[in-house]
């Protein structure tokens, strides 16, 4: 059982850190991330009789990371490290403690760079074919098309409102992007037609109304979206894709159609090309096609 933060000076500093994150206007999801990761670390500190900031050492932090690695993935360990690093940097500045901050002497855990799989386009087509011409069939068809077409993160997707879609240009205003940043992405004519067919079932809508509704008439949630994709995949008898796999497919298919990478970076809401590269799994056939197109030596013969 994790004791109350208020029982120790370290715990009170962590609570003050949470207040600072809220004052900065971070998203609820980010706030939950900090709270969850810091609570687990705080419990570890109490088990090792660490109750004040000066008692935190690089050696102790390394021991914590090793312990964490025994039952967490590399990505999970890195996520915990990032949260604790943010807290310690804040706490050292807030309390004017002498440099260096102990975590600055602890190397960040390595995370293997895996090639990430997109959802195959034939699988999306198969799922769309399971959608009957009913209100919720039209909704699910529009959802499947829009997930692929916009490249939105799932949390951004369910936060869309009707007024965020420009029917004339296809521009989609993403108001709840990562880091609370707004951006514009785009729907094509085919996707707009799917969306219009769904919205014909909803008379009297207003710009602030949710774009996607559950069968209970409430804004569709992340879990609700995942249930729709799971159900459609089962009916189409294809592997259930992760929600993020639609975003990967958007990135890869955009490049295959020769979209400028910097335009794609802006559409996806990335700040640098390094982040974008994780989504760009090129198949062996893509590489062969590019090699044949280039044909440097062929031009010499």
Protein backbone atom coordinates (compact mmCIF):
# COMPACT_ATOMS: atom_id res chain seq x y z
CA UNK A 1 0.00 0.00 0.00
CA UNK A 2 1.48 3.38 -1.05
CA UNK A 3 1.48 5.82 1.85
CA UNK A 4 0.21 9.38 1.47
CA UNK A 5 2.52 11.87 -0.19
CA UNK A 6 1.95 14.25 2.70
CA UNK A 7 3.74 11.94 5.15
CA UNK A 8 7.24 12.77 3.92
CA UNK A 9 9.06 15.81 2.62
CA UNK A 10 9.81 13.98 -0.63
CA UNK A 11 6.12 13.17 -1.05
CA UNK A 12 5.14 16.80 -0.49
CA UNK A 13 7.63 17.86 -3.18
CA UNK A 14 6.07 15.37 -5.59
CA UNK A 15 2.61 16.80 -4.86
CA UNK A 16 3.96 20.31 -5.49
CA UNK A 17 5.35 19.05 -8.80
CA UNK A 18 1.89 17.78 -9.80
CA UNK A 19 0.43 21.21 -9.03
CA UNK A 20 3.11 22.82 -11.21
CA UNK A 21 2.26 20.46 -14.11
CA UNK A 22 -1.44 21.32 -13.78
CA UNK A 23 -0.66 25.05 -13.70
CA UNK A 24 1.22 24.64 -16.98
CA UNK A 25 -1.98 23.40 -18.59
CA UNK A 26 -0.82 19.88 -19.43
CA UNK A 27 -3.42 17.46 -20.75
CA UNK A 28 -5.23 15.11 -18.32
CA UNK A 29 -3.52 12.15 -20.00
CA UNK A 30 -0.06 13.66 -19.41
CA UNK A 31 -0.95 14.47 -15.81
CA UNK A 32 -2.01 10.85 -15.25
CA UNK A 33 1.30 9.71 -16.72
CA UNK A 34 3.32 11.83 -14.27
CA UNK A 35 1.20 10.84 -11.29
CA UNK A 36 1.32 7.11 -12.04
CA UNK A 37 5.05 6.95 -12.69
CA UNK A 38 6.01 9.16 -9.73
CA UNK A 39 3.77 7.18 -7.35
CA UNK A 40 5.54 3.93 -8.26
CA UNK A 41 8.94 5.54 -7.84
CA UNK A 42 7.89 7.10 -4.52
CA UNK A 43 6.84 3.66 -3.24
CA UNK A 44 10.30 2.34 -4.18
CA UNK A 45 11.92 5.26 -2.33
CA UNK A 46 9.93 4.53 0.83
CA UNK A 47 10.96 0.87 0.66
CA UNK A 48 14.57 2.08 0.66
CA UNK A 49 14.01 4.69 3.40
CA UNK A 50 14.46 7.65 1.06
CA UNK A 51 12.21 10.45 2.30
CA UNK A 52 14.04 13.67 1.34
CA UNK A 53 15.55 15.06 -1.86
CA UNK A 54 19.20 15.11 -0.66
CA UNK A 55 18.98 11.35 -0.03
CA UNK A 56 18.52 10.66 -3.74
CA UNK A 57 21.75 9.52 -5.38
CA UNK A 58 22.81 8.39 -8.88
CA UNK A 59 23.58 4.93 -7.49
CA UNK A 60 20.10 4.66 -5.97
CA UNK A 61 18.47 5.74 -9.24
CA UNK A 62 20.43 3.12 -11.16
CA UNK A 63 19.34 0.46 -8.68
CA UNK A 64 15.73 1.54 -9.15
CA UNK A 65 16.03 1.26 -12.96
CA UNK A 66 17.55 -2.23 -12.69
CA UNK A 67 14.70 -3.32 -10.41
CA UNK A 68 12.17 -1.81 -12.80
CA UNK A 69 13.66 -3.67 -15.76
CA UNK A 70 12.90 -7.02 -14.10
CA UNK A 71 9.16 -6.71 -14.79
CA UNK A 72 8.76 -3.89 -17.30
CA UNK A 73 9.45 -3.52 -21.00
CA UNK A 74 12.26 -1.28 -22.21
CA UNK A 75 9.64 1.29 -23.20
CA UNK A 76 8.05 1.14 -19.75
CA UNK A 77 11.39 1.67 -18.03
CA UNK A 78 12.16 4.63 -20.27
CA UNK A 79 8.73 6.16 -19.57
CA UNK A 80 9.34 5.91 -15.82
CA UNK A 81 12.81 7.41 -16.21
CA UNK A 82 11.44 10.40 -18.15
CA UNK A 83 8.80 11.15 -15.51
CA UNK A 84 11.23 10.96 -12.59
CA UNK A 85 13.81 13.00 -14.52
CA UNK A 86 11.22 15.75 -15.08
CA UNK A 87 10.36 15.77 -11.37
CA UNK A 88 13.97 15.84 -10.19
CA UNK A 89 14.98 18.62 -12.58
CA UNK A 90 12.00 20.66 -11.37
CA UNK A 91 12.71 19.91 -7.69
CA UNK A 92 16.41 20.79 -7.93
CA UNK A 93 15.61 24.18 -9.47
CA UNK A 94 12.61 24.84 -7.20
CA UNK A 95 14.66 24.17 -4.05
CA UNK A 96 17.90 25.73 -5.33
CA UNK A 97 19.80 22.51 -4.65
CA UNK A 98 23.45 22.29 -5.73
CA UNK A 99 24.28 20.92 -9.17
CA UNK A 100 24.46 18.39 -10.60
CA UNK A 101 20.99 16.93 -10.26
CA UNK A 102 21.60 13.21 -9.49
CA UNK A 103 19.66 11.96 -12.49
CA UNK A 104 21.97 13.90 -14.81
CA UNK A 105 24.63 11.35 -13.91
CA UNK A 106 22.36 8.41 -14.83
CA UNK A 107 22.28 7.38 -18.49
CA UNK A 108 18.82 7.08 -20.01
CA UNK A 109 17.73 3.45 -20.55
CA UNK A 110 18.02 2.32 -24.14
CA UNK A 111 14.88 1.55 -26.08
CA UNK A 112 15.26 -0.75 -29.11
CA UNK A 113 14.20 0.95 -32.34
CA UNK A 114 11.69 -1.48 -33.83
CA UNK A 115 10.19 -1.23 -37.27
CA UNK A 116 6.51 -0.63 -36.58
CA UNK A 117 3.84 -2.35 -38.68
CA UNK A 118 1.02 -0.33 -40.29
CA UNK A 119 -2.44 -1.80 -40.77
CA UNK A 120 -2.55 -3.31 -44.29
CA UNK A 121 -4.85 -1.44 -46.68
CA UNK A 122 -6.60 -4.69 -47.76
CA UNK A 123 -7.51 -5.29 -44.11
CA UNK A 124 -9.10 -1.83 -43.88
CA UNK A 125 -11.02 -2.51 -47.10
CA UNK A 126 -12.26 -5.81 -45.67
CA UNK A 127 -13.42 -4.10 -42.46
CA UNK A 128 -15.25 -1.40 -44.45
CA UNK A 129 -17.13 -4.10 -46.38
CA UNK A 130 -18.62 -5.37 -43.10
CA UNK A 131 -20.34 -2.00 -42.51
CA UNK A 132 -24.00 -2.16 -43.50
CA UNK A 133 -25.95 0.88 -44.69
CA UNK A 134 -27.35 1.71 -41.27
CA UNK A 135 -26.59 4.65 -39.00
CA UNK A 136 -23.84 2.81 -37.14
CA UNK A 137 -22.63 1.01 -40.22
CA UNK A 138 -22.20 4.40 -41.91
CA UNK A 139 -20.50 5.70 -38.76
CA UNK A 140 -18.03 2.83 -38.65
CA UNK A 141 -17.29 3.14 -42.37
CA UNK A 142 -16.55 6.86 -41.89
CA UNK A 143 -14.41 6.11 -38.84
CA UNK A 144 -12.29 3.56 -40.68
CA UNK A 145 -11.77 5.90 -43.62
CA UNK A 146 -11.06 8.94 -41.46
CA UNK A 147 -8.56 7.16 -39.19
CA UNK A 148 -6.52 6.30 -42.27
CA UNK A 149 -7.04 9.58 -44.14
CA UNK A 150 -6.26 12.05 -41.34
CA UNK A 151 -3.37 10.28 -39.59
CA UNK A 152 -4.78 11.45 -36.25
CA UNK A 153 -3.78 9.91 -32.95
CA UNK A 154 -6.72 8.05 -31.39
CA UNK A 155 -7.06 10.61 -28.57
CA UNK A 156 -7.13 13.45 -31.13
CA UNK A 157 -9.62 11.56 -33.27
CA UNK A 158 -12.28 11.05 -30.61
CA UNK A 159 -11.91 14.70 -29.52
CA UNK A 160 -12.95 16.06 -32.93
CA UNK A 161 -16.14 18.11 -33.14
CA UNK A 162 -18.33 18.68 -36.19
CA UNK A 163 -17.10 22.26 -36.55
CA UNK A 164 -13.51 21.03 -36.84
CA UNK A 165 -14.23 19.70 -40.35
CA UNK A 166 -14.31 22.12 -43.31
CA UNK A 167 -16.73 20.55 -45.81
CA UNK A 168 -15.42 22.69 -48.68
CA UNK A 169 -11.66 22.20 -48.34
CA UNK A 170 -11.46 18.96 -46.35
CA UNK A 171 -9.30 20.68 -43.72
CA UNK A 172 -9.49 19.06 -40.29
CA UNK A 173 -8.55 21.21 -37.30
CA UNK A 174 -6.95 19.05 -34.62
CA UNK A 175 -7.43 21.09 -31.44
CA UNK A 176 -6.23 18.52 -28.91
CA UNK A 177 -2.89 17.52 -30.37
CA UNK A 178 0.04 16.22 -28.38
CA UNK A 179 1.40 18.94 -26.11
CA UNK A 180 -1.91 20.85 -26.49
CA UNK A 181 -0.80 22.02 -29.95
CA UNK A 182 -3.23 22.66 -32.77
CA UNK A 183 -2.60 21.62 -36.37
CA UNK A 184 -4.41 21.05 -39.64
CA UNK A 185 -4.71 17.76 -41.48
CA UNK A 186 -6.87 16.99 -44.51
CA UNK A 187 -9.65 14.65 -45.70
CA UNK A 188 -10.05 13.81 -49.39
CA UNK A 189 -13.34 13.86 -51.32
CA UNK A 190 -13.99 10.14 -50.79
CA UNK A 191 -13.57 10.43 -47.03
CA UNK A 192 -15.75 13.56 -46.91
CA UNK A 193 -18.47 11.62 -48.74
CA UNK A 194 -18.34 8.84 -46.13
CA UNK A 195 -18.56 11.43 -43.37
CA UNK A 196 -21.49 13.24 -45.01
CA UNK A 197 -23.41 9.95 -45.34
CA UNK A 198 -22.96 9.34 -41.60
CA UNK A 199 -23.93 12.87 -40.58
CA UNK A 200 -27.19 12.63 -42.55
CA UNK A 201 -28.35 10.35 -39.75
CA UNK A 202 -27.85 13.21 -37.25
CA UNK A 203 -30.27 16.05 -37.89
CA UNK A 204 -29.87 19.40 -36.17
CA UNK A 205 -26.18 19.12 -35.30
CA UNK A 206 -24.18 22.11 -34.05
CA UNK A 207 -20.47 22.91 -34.67
CA UNK A 208 -19.53 22.05 -31.07
CA UNK A 209 -21.24 18.65 -31.14
CA UNK A 210 -18.94 15.60 -31.06
CA UNK A 211 -18.09 14.30 -34.51
CA UNK A 212 -18.28 10.67 -33.37
CA UNK A 213 -21.08 9.42 -31.13
CA UNK A 214 -21.49 6.15 -29.28
CA UNK A 215 -24.75 4.21 -29.59
CA UNK A 216 -25.80 5.89 -26.32
CA UNK A 217 -25.48 9.31 -27.92
CA UNK A 218 -22.36 10.38 -25.98
CA UNK A 219 -18.98 11.37 -27.38
CA UNK A 220 -17.12 8.26 -28.49
CA UNK A 221 -14.28 7.38 -26.10
CA UNK A 222 -10.88 5.85 -26.77
CA UNK A 223 -12.14 2.50 -25.48
CA UNK A 224 -15.27 2.80 -27.57
CA UNK A 225 -13.19 3.42 -30.68
CA UNK A 226 -11.03 0.42 -29.92
CA UNK A 227 -14.17 -1.74 -29.51
CA UNK A 228 -15.42 -0.66 -32.93
CA UNK A 229 -12.12 -1.60 -34.59
CA UNK A 230 -12.01 -4.92 -32.71
CA UNK A 231 -15.56 -5.78 -33.79
CA UNK A 232 -14.99 -4.84 -37.42
CA UNK A 233 -11.75 -6.81 -37.58
CA UNK A 234 -13.47 -9.89 -36.17
CA UNK A 235 -16.30 -9.65 -38.70
CA UNK A 236 -13.82 -9.21 -41.56
CA UNK A 237 -11.72 -12.10 -40.20
CA UNK A 238 -8.51 -10.03 -40.25
CA UNK A 239 -6.04 -9.46 -37.38
CA UNK A 240 -7.16 -6.75 -34.99
CA UNK A 241 -4.97 -3.68 -35.67
CA UNK A 242 -3.74 -1.32 -33.00
CA UNK A 243 -5.36 2.09 -33.26
CA UNK A 244 -1.94 3.62 -33.84
CA UNK A 245 -1.40 1.27 -36.82
CA UNK A 246 -3.78 3.47 -38.85
CA UNK A 247 -1.48 6.43 -38.23
CA UNK A 248 1.51 4.37 -39.36
CA UNK A 249 -0.35 3.35 -42.52
CA UNK A 250 -1.14 7.03 -43.22
CA UNK A 251 2.55 7.91 -42.94
CA UNK A 252 3.85 5.06 -45.08
CA UNK A 253 1.19 5.32 -47.78
CA UNK A 254 1.72 9.09 -47.99
CA UNK A 255 5.41 8.53 -48.70
CA UNK A 256 4.65 5.79 -51.21
CA UNK A 257 2.53 8.36 -53.04
CA UNK A 258 5.52 10.74 -53.01
CA UNK A 259 4.28 13.23 -50.40
CA UNK A 260 7.01 15.63 -49.32
CA UNK A 261 8.33 14.38 -45.92
CA UNK A 262 8.21 17.87 -44.41
CA UNK A 263 4.55 18.23 -45.40
CA UNK A 264 3.87 14.83 -43.86
CA UNK A 265 5.71 15.87 -40.70
CA UNK A 266 3.39 18.89 -40.35
CA UNK A 267 0.25 16.83 -41.02
CA UNK A 268 1.24 14.35 -38.31
CA UNK A 269 2.14 17.05 -35.79
CA UNK A 270 5.80 16.08 -35.42
CA UNK A 271 8.47 18.62 -34.57
CA UNK A 272 11.40 16.82 -36.20
CA UNK A 273 12.13 14.16 -38.79
CA UNK A 274 13.58 11.75 -36.23
CA UNK A 275 10.13 11.13 -34.74
CA UNK A 276 8.63 10.60 -38.18
CA UNK A 277 11.18 7.92 -39.13
CA UNK A 278 9.76 5.49 -36.57
CA UNK A 279 6.58 5.23 -38.62
CA UNK A 280 8.20 4.69 -41.96
CA UNK A 281 8.65 0.96 -42.28
CA UNK A 282 9.52 0.31 -45.86
CA UNK A 283 8.98 -3.20 -47.17
CA UNK A 284 11.59 -5.10 -49.16
CA UNK A 285 9.54 -4.50 -52.31
CA UNK A 286 9.61 -0.72 -51.67
CA UNK A 287 13.39 -0.79 -51.49
CA UNK A 288 13.69 -2.85 -54.66
CA UNK A 289 11.39 -0.46 -56.53
CA UNK A 290 13.43 2.52 -55.42
CA UNK A 291 16.66 0.79 -56.43
CA UNK A 292 15.26 -0.01 -59.89
CA UNK A 293 14.03 3.56 -60.30
CA UNK A 294 17.44 5.00 -59.41
CA UNK A 295 19.55 2.58 -61.49
CA UNK A 296 22.79 4.56 -61.30
CA UNK A 297 25.00 1.94 -62.96
CA UNK A 298 22.30 1.14 -65.54
CA UNK A 299 22.77 4.65 -66.94
CA UNK A 300 26.45 3.95 -67.55
CA UNK A 301 25.92 0.80 -69.65
